[in-house]
Amino acid sequence: MAFSYKPLWKLLIDREMTKKKLMEGAGISKSTMDKMGRGELVSMQIIDRICAFLKCDLSDVLEHKREKEY
């Protein structure tokens, strides 16, 4: 997929927050966090809970990566 969670991982580092704290605060399961760690898509409901918990925008969590044009 052409989406990346790199902004989220950077935000957690900047806020000195662990993934476990994010999981607990946003109500995310370990399997969902594992999917995100592998760069797989998760539901927009999950993204919404993350944004609400972190009080941030979508662009602080996800970025769209352009695919090569052929």
PDB file of N, CA and C in Angstrom:
ATOM      1  N   MET A   1       0.845  -1.183   0.000  1.00  0.00           N
ATOM      2  CA  MET A   1       0.000   0.000   0.000  1.00  0.00           C
ATOM      3  C   MET A   1       0.883   1.237   0.000  1.00  0.00           C
ATOM      4  N   ALA A   2       0.272   2.313  -0.327  1.00  0.00           N
ATOM      5  CA  ALA A   2       1.028   3.552  -0.465  1.00  0.00           C
ATOM      6  C   ALA A   2       0.883   4.460   0.754  1.00  0.00           C
ATOM      7  N   PHE A   3       0.650   3.872   1.922  1.00  0.00           N
ATOM      8  CA  PHE A   3       0.549   4.672   3.136  1.00  0.00           C
ATOM      9  C   PHE A   3       1.630   4.249   4.120  1.00  0.00           C
ATOM     10  N   SER A   4       2.058   5.202   4.929  1.00  0.00           N
ATOM     11  CA  SER A   4       3.099   4.938   5.916  1.00  0.00           C
ATOM     12  C   SER A   4       2.689   5.528   7.266  1.00  0.00           C
ATOM     13  N   TYR A   5       3.048   4.832   8.329  1.00  0.00           N
ATOM     14  CA  TYR A   5       2.793   5.304   9.695  1.00  0.00           C
ATOM     15  C   TYR A   5       4.010   5.996  10.287  1.00  0.00           C
ATOM     16  N   LYS A   6       5.007   6.303   9.483  1.00  0.00           N
ATOM     17  CA  LYS A   6       6.222   6.954   9.983  1.00  0.00           C
ATOM     18  C   LYS A   6       5.929   8.222  10.781  1.00  0.00           C
ATOM     19  N   PRO A   7       4.974   9.054  10.345  1.00  0.00           N
ATOM     20  CA  PRO A   7       4.688  10.246  11.168  1.00  0.00           C
ATOM     21  C   PRO A   7       4.223   9.888  12.581  1.00  0.00           C
ATOM     22  N   LEU A   8       3.469   8.810  12.710  1.00  0.00           N
ATOM     23  CA  LEU A   8       3.015   8.384  14.037  1.00  0.00           C
ATOM     24  C   LEU A   8       4.191   7.955  14.893  1.00  0.00           C
ATOM     25  N   TRP A   9       5.081   7.151  14.333  1.00  0.00           N
ATOM     26  CA  TRP A   9       6.230   6.669  15.123  1.00  0.00           C
ATOM     27  C   TRP A   9       7.101   7.850  15.545  1.00  0.00           C
ATOM     28  N   LYS A  10       7.264   8.837  14.654  1.00  0.00           N
ATOM     29  CA  LYS A  10       8.047  10.019  14.999  1.00  0.00           C
ATOM     30  C   LYS A  10       7.350  10.818  16.107  1.00  0.00           C
ATOM     31  N   LEU A  11       6.032  10.951  16.010  1.00  0.00           N
ATOM     32  CA  LEU A  11       5.270  11.680  17.017  1.00  0.00           C
ATOM     33  C   LEU A  11       5.417  11.021  18.386  1.00  0.00           C
ATOM     34  N   LEU A  12       5.357   9.690  18.426  1.00  0.00           N
ATOM     35  CA  LEU A  12       5.522   8.984  19.702  1.00  0.00           C
ATOM     36  C   LEU A  12       6.906   9.253  20.294  1.00  0.00           C
ATOM     37  N   ILE A  13       7.927   9.240  19.446  1.00  0.00           N
ATOM     38  CA  ILE A  13       9.286   9.528  19.919  1.00  0.00           C
ATOM     39  C   ILE A  13       9.369  10.951  20.451  1.00  0.00           C
ATOM     40  N   ASP A  14       8.812  11.898  19.687  1.00  0.00           N
ATOM     41  CA  ASP A  14       8.857  13.305  20.101  1.00  0.00           C
ATOM     42  C   ASP A  14       8.154  13.531  21.439  1.00  0.00           C
ATOM     43  N   ARG A  15       7.093  12.775  21.675  1.00  0.00           N
ATOM     44  CA  ARG A  15       6.335  12.923  22.920  1.00  0.00           C
ATOM     45  C   ARG A  15       6.815  11.969  24.015  1.00  0.00           C
ATOM     46  N   GLU A  16       7.868  11.218  23.711  1.00  0.00           N
ATOM     47  CA  GLU A  16       8.421  10.241  24.649  1.00  0.00           C
ATOM     48  C   GLU A  16       7.328   9.303  25.152  1.00  0.00           C
ATOM     49  N   MET A  17       6.533   8.801  24.214  1.00  0.00           N
ATOM     50  CA  MET A  17       5.419   7.915  24.534  1.00  0.00           C
ATOM     51  C   MET A  17       5.696   6.536  23.950  1.00  0.00           C
ATOM     52  N   THR A  18       5.404   5.515  24.706  1.00  0.00           N
ATOM     53  CA  THR A  18       5.599   4.156  24.230  1.00  0.00           C
ATOM     54  C   THR A  18       4.390   3.701  23.416  1.00  0.00           C
ATOM     55  N   LYS A  19       4.613   2.677  22.612  1.00  0.00           N
ATOM     56  CA  LYS A  19       3.500   2.092  21.852  1.00  0.00           C
ATOM     57  C   LYS A  19       2.473   1.497  22.811  1.00  0.00           C
ATOM     58  N   LYS A  20       2.940   0.970  23.926  1.00  0.00           N
ATOM     59  CA  LYS A  20       2.027   0.396  24.914  1.00  0.00           C
ATOM     60  C   LYS A  20       1.098   1.471  25.478  1.00  0.00           C
ATOM     61  N   LYS A  21       1.634   2.644  25.758  1.00  0.00           N
ATOM     62  CA  LYS A  21       0.823   3.753  26.270  1.00  0.00           C
ATOM     63  C   LYS A  21      -0.216   4.170  25.223  1.00  0.00           C
ATOM     64  N   LEU A  22       0.193   4.210  23.957  1.00  0.00           N
ATOM     65  CA  LEU A  22      -0.744   4.519  22.884  1.00  0.00           C
ATOM     66  C   LEU A  22      -1.843   3.461  22.809  1.00  0.00           C
ATOM     67  N   MET A  23      -1.457   2.201  22.887  1.00  0.00           N
ATOM     68  CA  MET A  23      -2.433   1.116  22.838  1.00  0.00           C
ATOM     69  C   MET A  23      -3.465   1.253  23.952  1.00  0.00           C
ATOM     70  N   GLU A  24      -2.992   1.515  25.149  1.00  0.00           N
ATOM     71  CA  GLU A  24      -3.890   1.644  26.297  1.00  0.00           C
ATOM     72  C   GLU A  24      -4.780   2.876  26.176  1.00  0.00           C
ATOM     73  N   GLY A  25      -4.201   3.995  25.793  1.00  0.00           N
ATOM     74  CA  GLY A  25      -4.944   5.246  25.732  1.00  0.00           C
ATOM     75  C   GLY A  25      -5.955   5.315  24.608  1.00  0.00           C
ATOM     76  N   ALA A  26      -5.620   4.710  23.471  1.00  0.00           N
ATOM     77  CA  ALA A  26      -6.501   4.768  22.307  1.00  0.00           C
ATOM     78  C   ALA A  26      -7.361   3.517  22.154  1.00  0.00           C
ATOM     79  N   GLY A  27      -7.145   2.543  23.027  1.00  0.00           N
ATOM     80  CA  GLY A  27      -7.927   1.311  22.954  1.00  0.00           C
ATOM     81  C   GLY A  27      -7.608   0.482  21.718  1.00  0.00           C
ATOM     82  N   ILE A  28      -6.324   0.307  21.459  1.00  0.00           N
ATOM     83  CA  ILE A  28      -5.867  -0.448  20.291  1.00  0.00           C
ATOM     84  C   ILE A  28      -5.303  -1.785  20.752  1.00  0.00           C
ATOM     85  N   SER A  29      -5.646  -2.831  20.040  1.00  0.00           N
ATOM     86  CA  SER A  29      -5.141  -4.159  20.392  1.00  0.00           C
ATOM     87  C   SER A  29      -3.700  -4.332  19.910  1.00  0.00           C
ATOM     88  N   LYS A  30      -3.032  -5.321  20.486  1.00  0.00           N
ATOM     89  CA  LYS A  30      -1.660  -5.611  20.081  1.00  0.00           C
ATOM     90  C   LYS A  30      -1.618  -6.048  18.625  1.00  0.00           C
ATOM     91  N   SER A  31      -2.605  -6.816  18.183  1.00  0.00           N
ATOM     92  CA  SER A  31      -2.608  -7.272  16.789  1.00  0.00           C
ATOM     93  C   SER A  31      -2.746  -6.086  15.829  1.00  0.00           C
ATOM     94  N   THR A  32      -3.534  -5.088  16.200  1.00  0.00           N
ATOM     95  CA  THR A  32      -3.661  -3.889  15.365  1.00  0.00           C
ATOM     96  C   THR A  32      -2.351  -3.125  15.345  1.00  0.00           C
ATOM     97  N   MET A  33      -1.708  -2.997  16.488  1.00  0.00           N
ATOM     98  CA  MET A  33      -0.424  -2.311  16.549  1.00  0.00           C
ATOM     99  C   MET A  33       0.616  -3.067  15.722  1.00  0.00           C
ATOM    100  N   ASP A  34       0.566  -4.387  15.753  1.00  0.00           N
ATOM    101  CA  ASP A  34       1.479  -5.195  14.938  1.00  0.00           C
ATOM    102  C   ASP A  34       1.249  -4.950  13.451  1.00  0.00           C
ATOM    103  N   LYS A  35      -0.026  -4.855  13.045  1.00  0.00           N
ATOM    104  CA  LYS A  35      -0.348  -4.567  11.648  1.00  0.00           C
ATOM    105  C   LYS A  35       0.236  -3.225  11.234  1.00  0.00           C
ATOM    106  N   MET A  36       0.087  -2.232  12.091  1.00  0.00           N
ATOM    107  CA  MET A  36       0.625  -0.914  11.788  1.00  0.00           C
ATOM    108  C   MET A  36       2.149  -0.962  11.701  1.00  0.00           C
ATOM    109  N   GLY A  37       2.768  -1.750  12.556  1.00  0.00           N
ATOM    110  CA  GLY A  37       4.216  -1.905  12.529  1.00  0.00           C
ATOM    111  C   GLY A  37       4.716  -2.518  11.232  1.00  0.00           C
ATOM    112  N   ARG A  38       3.864  -3.343  10.616  1.00  0.00           N
ATOM    113  CA  ARG A  38       4.214  -3.951   9.331  1.00  0.00           C
ATOM    114  C   ARG A  38       3.781  -3.083   8.149  1.00  0.00           C
ATOM    115  N   GLY A  39       3.166  -1.929   8.438  1.00  0.00           N
ATOM    116  CA  GLY A  39       2.734  -1.028   7.381  1.00  0.00           C
ATOM    117  C   GLY A  39       1.433  -1.433   6.717  1.00  0.00           C
ATOM    118  N   GLU A  40       0.663  -2.294   7.378  1.00  0.00           N
ATOM    119  CA  GLU A  40      -0.616  -2.727   6.823  1.00  0.00           C
ATOM    120  C   GLU A  40      -1.707  -1.729   7.183  1.00  0.00           C
ATOM    121  N   LEU A  41      -2.770  -1.731   6.398  1.00  0.00           N
ATOM    122  CA  LEU A  41      -3.874  -0.811   6.638  1.00  0.00           C
ATOM    123  C   LEU A  41      -4.685  -1.216   7.861  1.00  0.00           C
ATOM    124  N   VAL A  42      -5.169  -0.232   8.584  1.00  0.00           N
ATOM    125  CA  VAL A  42      -6.109  -0.441   9.682  1.00  0.00           C
ATOM    126  C   VAL A  42      -7.324   0.440   9.403  1.00  0.00           C
ATOM    127  N   SER A  43      -8.395   0.219  10.124  1.00  0.00           N
ATOM    128  CA  SER A  43      -9.625   0.956   9.862  1.00  0.00           C
ATOM    129  C   SER A  43      -9.483   2.436  10.215  1.00  0.00           C
ATOM    130  N   MET A  44     -10.332   3.219   9.595  1.00  0.00           N
ATOM    131  CA  MET A  44     -10.347   4.651   9.896  1.00  0.00           C
ATOM    132  C   MET A  44     -10.828   4.896  11.324  1.00  0.00           C
ATOM    133  N   GLN A  45     -11.591   3.976  11.888  1.00  0.00           N
ATOM    134  CA  GLN A  45     -12.001   4.103  13.292  1.00  0.00           C
ATOM    135  C   GLN A  45     -10.789   4.061  14.209  1.00  0.00           C
ATOM    136  N   ILE A  46      -9.850   3.205  13.897  1.00  0.00           N
ATOM    137  CA  ILE A  46      -8.612   3.117  14.683  1.00  0.00           C
ATOM    138  C   ILE A  46      -7.823   4.420  14.545  1.00  0.00           C
ATOM    139  N   ILE A  47      -7.682   4.889  13.317  1.00  0.00           N
ATOM    140  CA  ILE A  47      -6.954   6.139  13.079  1.00  0.00           C
ATOM    141  C   ILE A  47      -7.630   7.285  13.824  1.00  0.00           C
ATOM    142  N   ASP A  48      -8.965   7.309  13.814  1.00  0.00           N
ATOM    143  CA  ASP A  48      -9.717   8.349  14.520  1.00  0.00           C
ATOM    144  C   ASP A  48      -9.437   8.298  16.021  1.00  0.00           C
ATOM    145  N   ARG A  49      -9.407   7.097  16.605  1.00  0.00           N
ATOM    146  CA  ARG A  49      -9.125   6.968  18.041  1.00  0.00           C
ATOM    147  C   ARG A  49      -7.712   7.420  18.368  1.00  0.00           C
ATOM    148  N   ILE A  50      -6.768   7.122  17.483  1.00  0.00           N
ATOM    149  CA  ILE A  50      -5.387   7.560  17.699  1.00  0.00           C
ATOM    150  C   ILE A  50      -5.309   9.082  17.670  1.00  0.00           C
ATOM    151  N   CYS A  51      -5.938   9.694  16.659  1.00  0.00           N
ATOM    152  CA  CYS A  51      -5.923  11.160  16.545  1.00  0.00           C
ATOM    153  C   CYS A  51      -6.593  11.813  17.752  1.00  0.00           C
ATOM    154  N   ALA A  52      -7.699  11.236  18.210  1.00  0.00           N
ATOM    155  CA  ALA A  52      -8.401  11.794  19.372  1.00  0.00           C
ATOM    156  C   ALA A  52      -7.530  11.691  20.621  1.00  0.00           C
ATOM    157  N   PHE A  53      -6.908  10.543  20.834  1.00  0.00           N
ATOM    158  CA  PHE A  53      -6.072  10.343  22.019  1.00  0.00           C
ATOM    159  C   PHE A  53      -4.858  11.266  22.007  1.00  0.00           C
ATOM    160  N   LEU A  54      -4.218  11.386  20.847  1.00  0.00           N
ATOM    161  CA  LEU A  54      -3.008  12.199  20.748  1.00  0.00           C
ATOM    162  C   LEU A  54      -3.312  13.677  20.495  1.00  0.00           C
ATOM    163  N   LYS A  55      -4.587  13.981  20.265  1.00  0.00           N
ATOM    164  CA  LYS A  55      -4.998  15.361  19.945  1.00  0.00           C
ATOM    165  C   LYS A  55      -4.163  15.891  18.777  1.00  0.00           C
ATOM    166  N   CYS A  56      -4.227  15.155  17.674  1.00  0.00           N
ATOM    167  CA  CYS A  56      -3.447  15.513  16.500  1.00  0.00           C
ATOM    168  C   CYS A  56      -4.289  15.345  15.239  1.00  0.00           C
ATOM    169  N   ASP A  57      -3.725  15.734  14.117  1.00  0.00           N
ATOM    170  CA  ASP A  57      -4.389  15.609  12.829  1.00  0.00           C
ATOM    171  C   ASP A  57      -3.994  14.308  12.145  1.00  0.00           C
ATOM    172  N   LEU A  58      -4.766  13.954  11.130  1.00  0.00           N
ATOM    173  CA  LEU A  58      -4.505  12.755  10.354  1.00  0.00           C
ATOM    174  C   LEU A  58      -3.086  12.752   9.786  1.00  0.00           C
ATOM    175  N   SER A  59      -2.638  13.904   9.322  1.00  0.00           N
ATOM    176  CA  SER A  59      -1.293  13.989   8.730  1.00  0.00           C
ATOM    177  C   SER A  59      -0.183  13.765   9.751  1.00  0.00           C
ATOM    178  N   ASP A  60      -0.521  13.826  11.045  1.00  0.00           N
ATOM    179  CA  ASP A  60       0.460  13.535  12.095  1.00  0.00           C
ATOM    180  C   ASP A  60       0.597  12.039  12.329  1.00  0.00           C
ATOM    181  N   VAL A  61      -0.302  11.262  11.719  1.00  0.00           N
ATOM    182  CA  VAL A  61      -0.338   9.812  11.927  1.00  0.00           C
ATOM    183  C   VAL A  61       0.023   9.055  10.654  1.00  0.00           C
ATOM    184  N   LEU A  62      -0.483   9.510   9.532  1.00  0.00           N
ATOM    185  CA  LEU A  62      -0.305   8.829   8.248  1.00  0.00           C
ATOM    186  C   LEU A  62       0.303   9.755   7.215  1.00  0.00           C
ATOM    187  N   GLU A  63       1.008   9.148   6.265  1.00  0.00           N
ATOM    188  CA  GLU A  63       1.437   9.899   5.101  1.00  0.00           C
ATOM    189  C   GLU A  63       1.192   9.024   3.878  1.00  0.00           C
ATOM    190  N   HIS A  64       0.844   9.666   2.782  1.00  0.00           N
ATOM    191  CA  HIS A  64       0.636   8.958   1.526  1.00  0.00           C
ATOM    192  C   HIS A  64       1.912   9.023   0.731  1.00  0.00           C
ATOM    193  N   LYS A  65       2.382   7.866   0.325  1.00  0.00           N
ATOM    194  CA  LYS A  65       3.609   7.805  -0.464  1.00  0.00           C
ATOM    195  C   LYS A  65       3.222   7.593  -1.922  1.00  0.00           C
ATOM    196  N   ARG A  66       3.716   8.461  -2.777  1.00  0.00           N
ATOM    197  CA  ARG A  66       3.422   8.317  -4.204  1.00  0.00           C
ATOM    198  C   ARG A  66       4.114   7.084  -4.758  1.00  0.00           C
ATOM    199  N   GLU A  67       3.368   6.369  -5.558  1.00  0.00           N
ATOM    200  CA  GLU A  67       3.958   5.211  -6.224  1.00  0.00           C
ATOM    201  C   GLU A  67       4.635   5.679  -7.499  1.00  0.00           C
ATOM    202  N   LYS A  68       5.573   4.915  -7.946  1.00  0.00           N
ATOM    203  CA  LYS A  68       6.299   5.275  -9.157  1.00  0.00           C
ATOM    204  C   LYS A  68       5.342   5.359 -10.344  1.00  0.00           C
ATOM    205  N   GLU A  69       5.569   6.346 -11.169  1.00  0.00           N
ATOM    206  CA  GLU A  69       4.786   6.455 -12.394  1.00  0.00           C
ATOM    207  C   GLU A  69       5.536   5.709 -13.491  1.00  0.00           C
ATOM    208  N   TYR A  70       4.792   4.930 -14.248  1.00  0.00           N
ATOM    209  CA  TYR A  70       5.426   4.136 -15.318  1.00  0.00           C
ATOM    210  C   TYR A  70       5.055   4.665 -16.666  1.00  0.00           C
TER     211      TYR A  70
END
